[in-house]
Amino acid sequence: MIGRLNAPIILAHGLFGFSRIGFGPLTLTSYFRGIPQVLRDAGNRVLTTRVHPTASVEFRAVRLGFRIDTYFPDEPVHIIAHSMGGLDARRLLAVPGWRDRILSLTTIATPHAGSILADFAKLKVGRIYRLLEAMRIDYRGFLDVTRLASRRFNRTHGRIDDVPCFSIAGDPEPGDVSWPLRRLHEALAEMEGANDGLVPAASATAFGTPLDPWPLDHLHQMNWLTHARGRSTPLYVPAFYARIIDNLVAHGFGAIDEEAPTPAVSLAR
């Protein structure tokens, strides 16, 4: 059972993200596969945003704000962000006017302290970056998740005390990691400990109030490749998003039935 919030839910995607892929009304797949509909079925208003897949956090944050304003002008919202989408949302919080409109931010596997994988990519694929630059393809998003860039970002956009912010790390069992991420998960485990195949758990919880980790890798968090056999436990990803909603309801952000009596004390900020 998923709760209902008092304001729209914004789902913000990470690198290489998209809202949906399809033809006309036919959707072949979506970034948060099946999650928006489950949230809507519970009575929530939900927007899956679409920003540039590889651009910088600065640019993506502007587009994130534009998308929210287009669909929910002047309304307060809750943001649930996956991966780099959490950095976009943090940057948006620093834009005048948005601090009062974003009621809460929950990040899932966001590299708040960067990732050594991004550092390695910067060293090994520098020529590819130069080629992308020559082709006028914005690739700065890859550089924004290096550990050095993250330290700079955190110095400028550090703690946020007046907006409830929560963070979730992915920490799956090795045998439950989807096949595209298994080798990366093993390598990261040796270098940085618990991780979801792309983002170290310590980095994912380096901002906001940490919530219980999810036993899901980076792809499973988007409800991808969940059909794999041989898992140690059944996998129903929407239940984990229900935890996020439950946490926000517990903080006073639940929708109030107009016919129900108004509570004497509100837990909202």
Protein backbone atom coordinates (compact mmCIF):
# COMPACT_ATOMS: atom_id res chain seq x y z
CA MET A 1 0.00 0.00 0.00
CA ILE A 2 1.52 3.31 -1.13
CA GLY A 3 0.58 6.55 0.61
CA ARG A 4 -0.55 9.79 -0.97
CA LEU A 5 1.39 13.04 -0.63
CA ASN A 6 0.10 16.57 -0.31
CA ALA A 7 1.96 17.82 -3.39
CA PRO A 8 3.15 16.50 -6.76
CA ILE A 9 6.05 14.05 -6.91
CA ILE A 10 8.90 14.81 -9.30
CA LEU A 11 11.01 11.85 -10.45
CA ALA A 12 14.42 13.11 -11.62
CA HIS A 13 16.65 10.82 -13.67
CA GLY A 14 20.43 10.39 -13.72
CA LEU A 15 23.09 10.30 -16.44
CA PHE A 16 21.89 8.88 -19.76
CA GLY A 17 18.38 9.30 -18.41
CA PHE A 18 15.12 9.84 -20.23
CA SER A 19 11.45 9.95 -19.35
CA ARG A 20 10.28 7.32 -21.85
CA ILE A 21 11.13 5.62 -25.13
CA GLY A 22 8.29 4.79 -27.46
CA PHE A 23 6.27 5.59 -30.56
CA GLY A 24 3.37 7.97 -30.07
CA PRO A 25 1.27 6.71 -27.16
CA LEU A 26 3.14 3.38 -27.11
CA THR A 27 5.83 3.27 -24.40
CA LEU A 28 8.55 0.67 -24.91
CA THR A 29 10.37 1.46 -21.70
CA SER A 30 10.88 4.28 -19.22
CA TYR A 31 13.68 5.30 -16.89
CA PHE A 32 11.64 4.59 -13.75
CA ARG A 33 10.01 1.51 -15.26
CA GLY A 34 6.47 1.19 -13.96
CA ILE A 35 7.11 3.34 -10.89
CA PRO A 36 5.18 6.48 -11.95
CA GLN A 37 2.00 4.50 -12.61
CA VAL A 38 2.19 2.72 -9.26
CA LEU A 39 2.49 6.09 -7.52
CA ARG A 40 -0.38 7.52 -9.57
CA ASP A 41 -2.58 4.54 -8.77
CA ALA A 42 -2.21 5.54 -5.11
CA GLY A 43 -3.62 8.99 -5.93
CA ASN A 44 -0.37 10.91 -6.35
CA ARG A 45 0.37 13.40 -9.10
CA VAL A 46 3.68 12.38 -10.68
CA LEU A 47 6.01 13.94 -13.25
CA THR A 48 9.02 12.12 -14.68
CA THR A 49 11.28 14.90 -15.89
CA ARG A 50 13.49 14.85 -18.96
CA VAL A 51 16.77 16.78 -18.97
CA HIS A 52 19.94 16.55 -21.04
CA PRO A 53 21.39 13.02 -20.60
CA THR A 54 25.08 13.97 -20.31
CA ALA A 55 25.28 17.73 -19.68
CA SER A 56 26.60 19.44 -16.56
CA VAL A 57 24.72 19.65 -13.29
CA GLU A 58 24.40 23.42 -13.82
CA PHE A 59 22.64 22.96 -17.16
CA ARG A 60 20.52 20.01 -16.07
CA ALA A 61 19.31 21.87 -12.97
CA VAL A 62 17.97 24.69 -15.14
CA ARG A 63 16.10 22.19 -17.31
CA LEU A 64 14.78 20.40 -14.23
CA GLY A 65 13.31 23.65 -12.96
CA PHE A 66 11.83 24.42 -16.38
CA ARG A 67 10.15 21.01 -16.55
CA ILE A 68 8.64 21.38 -13.10
CA ASP A 69 7.40 24.89 -13.87
CA THR A 70 5.86 23.72 -17.14
CA TYR A 71 3.70 21.07 -15.52
CA PHE A 72 3.21 22.42 -11.99
CA PRO A 73 3.64 26.21 -12.18
CA ASP A 74 4.05 27.87 -8.77
CA GLU A 75 3.21 24.63 -6.93
CA PRO A 76 5.37 23.16 -4.17
CA VAL A 77 6.72 19.70 -5.01
CA HIS A 78 8.54 16.69 -3.61
CA ILE A 79 11.58 15.49 -5.57
CA ILE A 80 12.68 11.87 -5.67
CA ALA A 81 15.92 11.74 -7.62
CA HIS A 82 18.02 8.85 -8.85
CA SER A 83 21.79 9.02 -9.29
CA MET A 84 22.98 12.32 -10.81
CA GLY A 85 19.41 13.61 -10.65
CA GLY A 86 20.04 14.20 -6.94
CA LEU A 87 22.86 16.62 -7.76
CA ASP A 88 20.58 18.42 -10.24
CA ALA A 89 17.98 18.81 -7.50
CA ARG A 90 20.53 20.07 -4.98
CA ARG A 91 21.71 22.67 -7.48
CA LEU A 92 18.11 23.70 -8.15
CA LEU A 93 17.62 24.24 -4.42
CA ALA A 94 20.25 26.97 -4.60
CA VAL A 95 18.30 28.89 -7.25
CA PRO A 96 16.29 31.80 -5.78
CA GLY A 97 12.66 30.89 -5.30
CA TRP A 98 13.10 27.13 -5.36
CA ARG A 99 14.06 26.71 -1.71
CA ASP A 100 10.46 27.59 -0.77
CA ARG A 101 8.90 25.35 -3.45
CA ILE A 102 10.77 22.10 -2.89
CA LEU A 103 9.11 20.54 0.13
CA SER A 104 11.50 17.59 0.33
CA LEU A 105 14.32 15.90 -1.55
CA THR A 106 15.02 12.18 -1.46
CA THR A 107 18.05 10.95 -3.39
CA ILE A 108 18.64 7.36 -4.44
CA ALA A 109 22.24 6.29 -5.18
CA THR A 110 23.36 9.85 -5.85
CA PRO A 111 27.18 10.20 -5.90
CA HIS A 112 27.24 13.09 -3.41
CA ALA A 113 30.94 12.48 -2.80
CA GLY A 114 31.66 11.35 -6.35
CA SER A 115 32.87 7.96 -7.50
CA ILE A 116 36.29 6.54 -8.21
CA LEU A 117 34.80 5.07 -11.39
CA ALA A 118 34.28 8.58 -12.73
CA ASP A 119 37.88 9.44 -11.81
CA PHE A 120 39.09 6.39 -13.70
CA ALA A 121 36.96 7.23 -16.73
CA LYS A 122 38.38 10.74 -16.84
CA LEU A 123 41.92 9.35 -16.96
CA LYS A 124 41.27 6.57 -19.44
CA VAL A 125 38.87 8.12 -21.94
CA GLY A 126 40.22 11.64 -22.22
CA ARG A 127 40.52 11.25 -25.98
CA ILE A 128 36.85 10.32 -26.21
CA TYR A 129 35.94 13.45 -24.26
CA ARG A 130 37.99 15.55 -26.66
CA LEU A 131 36.21 13.89 -29.57
CA LEU A 132 32.82 14.63 -28.03
CA GLU A 133 33.89 18.22 -27.52
CA ALA A 134 34.90 18.49 -31.17
CA MET A 135 31.47 17.14 -32.09
CA ARG A 136 29.89 19.76 -29.79
CA ILE A 137 28.38 17.09 -27.57
CA ASP A 138 28.09 18.19 -23.96
CA TYR A 139 29.81 15.55 -21.79
CA ARG A 140 30.42 17.61 -18.64
CA GLY A 141 28.05 15.47 -16.63
CA PHE A 142 30.69 12.73 -16.53
CA LEU A 143 33.19 15.16 -15.02
CA ASP A 144 30.71 16.48 -12.45
CA VAL A 145 30.61 13.11 -10.66
CA THR A 146 34.36 12.81 -10.14
CA ARG A 147 35.50 13.03 -6.54
CA LEU A 148 37.31 16.35 -7.10
CA ALA A 149 34.26 17.95 -8.73
CA SER A 150 32.09 16.63 -5.91
CA ARG A 151 34.29 18.24 -3.27
CA ARG A 152 33.96 21.56 -5.08
CA PHE A 153 30.20 21.13 -5.41
CA ASN A 154 29.81 20.32 -1.72
CA ARG A 155 31.82 23.36 -0.68
CA THR A 156 29.39 25.53 -2.63
CA HIS A 157 26.18 23.57 -2.08
CA GLY A 158 26.63 21.86 1.26
CA ARG A 159 24.10 21.16 4.00
CA ILE A 160 20.49 22.21 3.58
CA ASP A 161 18.85 22.73 6.95
CA ASP A 162 15.51 24.25 5.98
CA VAL A 163 14.33 21.53 3.56
CA PRO A 164 13.99 17.87 4.64
CA CYS A 165 16.58 15.93 2.65
CA PHE A 166 17.04 12.16 2.72
CA SER A 167 19.49 9.83 1.02
CA ILE A 168 19.38 6.14 0.13
CA ALA A 169 22.28 3.88 -0.84
CA GLY A 170 22.14 0.67 -2.80
CA ASP A 171 23.80 -2.31 -1.10
CA PRO A 172 22.86 -5.58 -2.84
CA GLU A 173 24.25 -9.02 -2.14
CA PRO A 174 26.92 -9.90 -4.74
CA GLY A 175 24.79 -12.69 -6.13
CA ASP A 176 21.86 -10.30 -6.63
CA VAL A 177 23.74 -7.79 -8.79
CA SER A 178 22.51 -7.71 -12.40
CA TRP A 179 24.97 -9.06 -14.94
CA PRO A 180 25.99 -5.68 -16.53
CA LEU A 181 27.22 -4.41 -13.14
CA ARG A 182 28.79 -7.49 -11.56
CA ARG A 183 32.43 -6.75 -12.39
CA LEU A 184 32.06 -3.09 -11.46
CA HIS A 185 30.42 -4.10 -8.19
CA GLU A 186 33.31 -6.43 -7.38
CA ALA A 187 35.92 -3.80 -8.22
CA LEU A 188 34.18 -1.08 -6.22
CA ALA A 189 33.72 -3.43 -3.26
CA GLU A 190 37.49 -3.91 -3.09
CA MET A 191 38.22 -0.19 -3.36
CA GLU A 192 35.35 1.50 -1.51
CA GLY A 193 33.27 -1.16 0.22
CA ALA A 194 29.49 -1.40 -0.07
CA ASN A 195 28.15 -0.16 -3.39
CA ASP A 196 25.41 -0.67 -5.96
CA GLY A 197 27.64 -1.38 -8.94
CA LEU A 198 28.24 2.28 -9.78
CA VAL A 199 27.96 4.41 -6.64
CA PRO A 200 29.65 3.68 -3.28
CA ALA A 201 27.21 3.55 -0.37
CA ALA A 202 29.33 6.07 1.56
CA SER A 203 29.03 8.54 -1.32
CA ALA A 204 25.27 7.96 -1.68
CA THR A 205 24.68 8.85 1.99
CA ALA A 206 27.13 11.76 2.22
CA PHE A 207 24.26 14.26 2.09
CA GLY A 208 20.99 14.57 3.97
CA THR A 209 19.57 12.09 6.46
CA PRO A 210 20.42 8.50 5.46
CA LEU A 211 17.53 6.07 5.25
CA ASP A 212 17.77 2.27 5.26
CA PRO A 213 19.82 1.03 2.28
CA TRP A 214 18.11 -0.81 -0.54
CA PRO A 215 19.33 -4.32 -1.49
CA LEU A 216 19.19 -3.21 -5.13
CA ASP A 217 21.90 -2.43 -7.65
CA HIS A 218 21.90 0.76 -9.73
CA LEU A 219 19.76 -0.76 -12.50
CA HIS A 220 17.33 -2.56 -10.23
CA GLN A 221 16.64 0.76 -8.50
CA MET A 222 15.02 1.86 -11.78
CA ASN A 223 13.07 -1.42 -11.91
CA TRP A 224 15.27 -2.70 -14.75
CA LEU A 225 16.39 -6.31 -15.24
CA THR A 226 14.24 -7.45 -12.35
CA HIS A 227 13.22 -10.64 -14.17
CA ALA A 228 16.56 -12.35 -13.53
CA ARG A 229 16.39 -15.79 -11.97
CA GLY A 230 18.39 -17.11 -9.06
CA ARG A 231 17.90 -14.14 -6.73
CA SER A 232 18.12 -14.83 -3.02
CA THR A 233 14.90 -12.88 -2.35
CA PRO A 234 11.90 -11.85 -4.48
CA LEU A 235 12.25 -8.41 -6.05
CA TYR A 236 9.35 -5.96 -6.12
CA VAL A 237 10.88 -2.53 -6.63
CA PRO A 238 7.73 -0.37 -6.12
CA ALA A 239 7.73 -1.49 -2.48
CA PHE A 240 10.98 0.40 -1.97
CA TYR A 241 9.47 3.58 -3.41
CA ALA A 242 6.56 3.04 -1.03
CA ARG A 243 9.12 3.34 1.78
CA ILE A 244 10.04 6.81 0.52
CA ILE A 245 6.41 7.89 0.52
CA ASP A 246 5.88 6.41 3.98
CA ASN A 247 8.85 8.38 5.28
CA LEU A 248 7.47 11.63 3.86
CA VAL A 249 4.02 10.90 5.27
CA ALA A 250 5.64 10.32 8.67
CA HIS A 251 7.18 13.79 8.37
CA GLY A 252 3.78 15.38 7.89
CA PHE A 253 3.59 15.50 4.10
CA GLY A 254 0.68 13.11 3.68
CA ALA A 255 -2.41 14.28 1.82
CA ILE A 256 -5.27 15.17 4.12
CA ASP A 257 -8.79 14.08 3.20
CA GLU A 258 -10.89 17.24 2.90
CA GLU A 259 -13.68 15.56 4.84
CA ALA A 260 -11.38 14.46 7.65
CA PRO A 261 -10.77 16.71 10.68
CA THR A 262 -7.63 18.81 10.55
CA PRO A 263 -4.97 17.41 12.91
CA ALA A 264 -4.13 19.55 15.93
CA VAL A 265 -0.38 19.33 15.28
CA SER A 266 1.33 19.27 11.92
CA LEU A 267 4.72 17.67 11.45
CA ALA A 268 5.35 19.54 8.20
CA ARG A 269 8.18 22.03 8.08
